[in-house]
Amino acid sequence: STLTTIQRQLNTKPPSSPQSSGEFGTGTLFGDPDLFSLLNGMRQSMYEPVAGLPAGMSSLADIGITTGSPSGEAGASQSSIEGQLKLNSTTLENAMKSNPAGVQQLLQKWSQNLQTLVNGEAQAGGTLEARINGDTAQISGLGNQISSLNEMLAVRQKALQNTFAQLEGVMSQNQSQITWLAGQVTSLNANGL
């Protein structure tokens, strides 16, 4: 279910024009590199032998937990391509009968390794928190830039309004002078000059 949830988040595209507040959060993790890295780390942990354990009891495959057929093989299911876990109960039973302490030790060490991987991403101080803090700082910085630009635009608008008012005054004076000059020309023409 974890793999399915992560995969769904990675594949859900944001709507091109959200209509409701619920749609604004849709697709926020589409193609997210950190989430993709976590998913790959979880998948890789399935195949890596756990350090410090004897051969034959050092990976989950040794006790019957796999992701199914490799994706390149004929008959590989979609769930095996996605990396979903499969349990071969016969292999697990045989491992538990022959070495119950080894199975327990393997599961404990593997789960500790997986917990360390997940905590590195999700726990306080992890990658996700650092990214959230970075994004929050960037949003705050952009907000400050917007405020500064709005203030600059308000000052510029006021300056342009003052310039426009001065130009209107000059144009009004020019119109008065044109009217006066036109009257003078008419007067001179009427006097025969």
Protein backbone atom coordinates (compact mmCIF):
# COMPACT_ATOMS: atom_id res chain seq x y z
CA SER A 1 0.00 0.00 0.00
CA THR A 2 2.93 2.33 0.68
CA LEU A 3 4.37 1.76 -2.79
CA THR A 4 0.96 2.24 -4.38
CA THR A 5 0.38 5.50 -2.46
CA ILE A 6 3.82 6.87 -3.36
CA GLN A 7 3.42 5.82 -7.00
CA ARG A 8 -0.02 7.47 -7.16
CA GLN A 9 1.44 10.71 -5.78
CA LEU A 10 4.29 10.62 -8.30
CA ASN A 11 1.93 9.98 -11.23
CA THR A 12 -0.94 12.35 -10.37
CA LYS A 13 -0.63 15.47 -12.50
CA PRO A 14 -1.92 18.77 -11.18
CA PRO A 15 -5.10 20.06 -12.88
CA SER A 16 -4.39 22.69 -15.54
CA SER A 17 -7.02 25.04 -14.12
CA PRO A 18 -8.09 24.09 -10.58
CA GLN A 19 -11.69 24.95 -9.74
CA SER A 20 -11.82 24.24 -6.00
CA SER A 21 -9.52 24.55 -3.01
CA GLY A 22 -9.16 20.75 -2.94
CA GLU A 23 -7.79 20.74 -6.48
CA PHE A 24 -4.96 23.13 -5.58
CA GLY A 25 -3.24 20.36 -3.58
CA THR A 26 -3.73 17.74 -6.29
CA GLY A 27 -0.56 16.74 -8.07
CA THR A 28 1.82 18.71 -5.87
CA LEU A 29 4.17 15.70 -5.74
CA PHE A 30 3.94 14.85 -9.45
CA GLY A 31 7.40 13.67 -10.54
CA ASP A 32 8.89 14.81 -7.22
CA PRO A 33 12.60 13.89 -7.19
CA ASP A 34 12.83 13.43 -3.40
CA LEU A 35 9.81 11.14 -3.29
CA PHE A 36 11.12 9.24 -6.31
CA SER A 37 14.47 8.85 -4.54
CA LEU A 38 12.73 7.50 -1.42
CA LEU A 39 10.77 5.00 -3.52
CA ASN A 40 13.94 3.83 -5.25
CA GLY A 41 15.71 3.50 -1.89
CA MET A 42 12.86 1.38 -0.54
CA ARG A 43 12.97 -0.86 -3.62
CA GLN A 44 16.74 -1.18 -3.43
CA SER A 45 16.53 -2.18 0.23
CA MET A 46 14.57 -5.25 -0.89
CA TYR A 47 17.53 -6.61 -2.82
CA GLU A 48 20.58 -5.48 -0.86
CA PRO A 49 22.00 -8.00 1.57
CA VAL A 50 21.83 -6.77 5.16
CA ALA A 51 25.35 -6.10 6.42
CA GLY A 52 26.61 -8.33 9.23
CA LEU A 53 24.38 -11.31 8.46
CA PRO A 54 25.57 -14.67 7.08
CA ALA A 55 25.12 -15.52 3.41
CA GLY A 56 21.89 -17.40 2.83
CA MET A 57 20.13 -15.38 5.53
CA SER A 58 21.04 -11.80 4.57
CA SER A 59 18.27 -10.67 2.21
CA LEU A 60 14.49 -10.85 2.24
CA ALA A 61 14.59 -13.08 -0.84
CA ASP A 62 16.33 -15.70 1.33
CA ILE A 63 13.17 -16.02 3.41
CA GLY A 64 10.68 -15.84 0.50
CA ILE A 65 9.89 -12.11 0.35
CA THR A 66 10.42 -10.73 -3.16
CA THR A 67 8.80 -8.43 -5.68
CA GLY A 68 7.90 -11.31 -7.97
CA SER A 69 9.30 -12.01 -11.42
CA PRO A 70 11.83 -9.52 -12.76
CA SER A 71 10.14 -6.99 -15.03
CA GLY A 72 12.03 -8.19 -18.11
CA GLU A 73 10.75 -11.77 -17.81
CA ALA A 74 7.67 -13.07 -19.54
CA GLY A 75 4.78 -13.26 -17.11
CA ALA A 76 5.96 -10.36 -14.95
CA SER A 77 2.87 -8.80 -13.44
CA GLN A 78 2.16 -5.10 -13.07
CA SER A 79 2.56 -5.47 -9.30
CA SER A 80 6.06 -6.91 -9.72
CA ILE A 81 6.93 -4.10 -12.13
CA GLU A 82 5.75 -1.61 -9.48
CA GLY A 83 7.82 -3.40 -6.84
CA GLN A 84 5.00 -4.70 -4.67
CA LEU A 85 5.99 -7.47 -2.27
CA LYS A 86 5.19 -11.14 -2.76
CA LEU A 87 5.50 -13.81 -0.11
CA ASN A 88 6.49 -17.38 -0.85
CA SER A 89 5.09 -18.97 2.31
CA THR A 90 6.87 -22.31 1.69
CA THR A 91 10.29 -20.62 1.58
CA LEU A 92 9.44 -18.62 4.71
CA GLU A 93 8.25 -21.76 6.57
CA ASN A 94 11.40 -23.66 5.63
CA ALA A 95 13.61 -20.75 6.74
CA MET A 96 11.74 -20.46 10.04
CA LYS A 97 12.06 -24.21 10.69
CA SER A 98 15.76 -24.34 9.88
CA ASN A 99 16.86 -21.03 11.45
CA PRO A 100 14.17 -19.13 13.37
CA ALA A 101 16.71 -16.89 15.10
CA GLY A 102 18.26 -16.00 11.71
CA VAL A 103 14.86 -15.07 10.28
CA GLN A 104 14.13 -12.90 13.30
CA GLN A 105 17.55 -11.23 13.12
CA LEU A 106 17.16 -10.61 9.36
CA LEU A 107 13.73 -9.04 9.77
CA GLN A 108 14.89 -6.87 12.68
CA LYS A 109 17.99 -5.59 10.88
CA TRP A 110 16.15 -5.06 7.60
CA SER A 111 13.34 -3.16 9.32
CA GLN A 112 15.90 -1.01 11.16
CA ASN A 113 17.60 -0.21 7.84
CA LEU A 114 14.25 0.63 6.23
CA GLN A 115 13.29 2.78 9.23
CA THR A 116 16.60 4.65 8.93
CA LEU A 117 15.93 5.24 5.24
CA VAL A 118 12.40 6.52 5.84
CA ASN A 119 13.44 8.63 8.84
CA GLY A 120 16.20 10.24 6.78
CA GLU A 121 13.47 11.56 4.54
CA ALA A 122 10.48 12.08 6.82
CA GLN A 123 11.71 12.61 10.38
CA ALA A 124 12.34 16.06 11.89
CA GLY A 125 15.50 17.42 10.35
CA GLY A 126 15.19 15.07 7.37
CA THR A 127 15.17 15.82 3.68
CA LEU A 128 11.46 16.63 3.53
CA GLU A 129 11.63 19.10 6.42
CA ALA A 130 14.70 20.76 4.91
CA ARG A 131 12.87 21.08 1.60
CA ILE A 132 9.74 22.46 3.28
CA ASN A 133 11.87 25.01 5.15
CA GLY A 134 13.66 25.95 1.93
CA ASP A 135 10.38 26.30 0.04
CA THR A 136 8.90 28.36 2.89
CA ALA A 137 11.93 30.67 2.86
CA GLN A 138 11.66 31.02 -0.92
CA ILE A 139 7.94 31.83 -0.67
CA SER A 140 8.69 34.42 2.01
CA GLY A 141 11.44 35.93 -0.15
CA LEU A 142 9.12 36.10 -3.14
CA GLY A 143 6.46 37.73 -0.95
CA ASN A 144 8.99 40.37 0.13
CA GLN A 145 9.99 40.97 -3.50
CA ILE A 146 6.34 41.37 -4.47
CA SER A 147 5.80 43.87 -1.64
CA SER A 148 8.90 45.85 -2.67
CA LEU A 149 7.85 45.86 -6.32
CA ASN A 150 4.32 46.96 -5.37
CA GLU A 151 5.78 49.85 -3.35
CA MET A 152 8.04 50.81 -6.27
CA LEU A 153 5.07 50.66 -8.65
CA ALA A 154 2.99 52.85 -6.32
CA VAL A 155 5.79 55.47 -6.21
CA ARG A 156 6.18 55.27 -10.00
CA GLN A 157 2.42 55.59 -10.47
CA LYS A 158 2.33 58.71 -8.29
CA ALA A 159 5.28 60.21 -10.20
CA LEU A 160 3.57 59.51 -13.53
CA GLN A 161 0.30 61.02 -12.27
CA ASN A 162 2.18 64.17 -11.20
CA THR A 163 3.94 64.36 -14.57
CA PHE A 164 0.62 63.89 -16.36
CA ALA A 165 -0.98 66.64 -14.25
CA GLN A 166 1.92 68.99 -15.10
CA LEU A 167 1.60 68.14 -18.81
CA GLU A 168 -2.13 68.84 -18.68
CA GLY A 169 -1.37 72.25 -17.12
CA VAL A 170 1.17 73.03 -19.82
CA MET A 171 -1.25 71.89 -22.54
CA SER A 172 -3.99 74.06 -21.03
CA GLN A 173 -1.62 77.07 -21.08
CA ASN A 174 -0.66 76.25 -24.67
CA GLN A 175 -4.35 76.07 -25.64
CA SER A 176 -4.94 79.45 -24.01
CA GLN A 177 -1.98 80.93 -25.89
CA ILE A 178 -3.20 79.40 -29.18
CA THR A 179 -6.63 80.91 -28.60
CA TRP A 180 -5.09 84.30 -27.76
CA LEU A 181 -2.78 84.14 -30.81
CA ALA A 182 -5.69 83.15 -33.06
CA GLY A 183 -7.60 86.16 -31.72
CA GLN A 184 -4.61 88.42 -32.43
CA VAL A 185 -4.26 87.08 -35.97
CA THR A 186 -8.01 87.65 -36.57
CA SER A 187 -7.70 91.16 -35.16
CA LEU A 188 -4.73 91.95 -37.36
CA ASN A 189 -6.51 90.58 -40.44
CA ALA A 190 -9.57 92.66 -39.60
CA ASN A 191 -7.46 95.82 -39.37
CA GLY A 192 -5.91 95.01 -42.73
CA LEU A 193 -2.52 94.29 -41.54
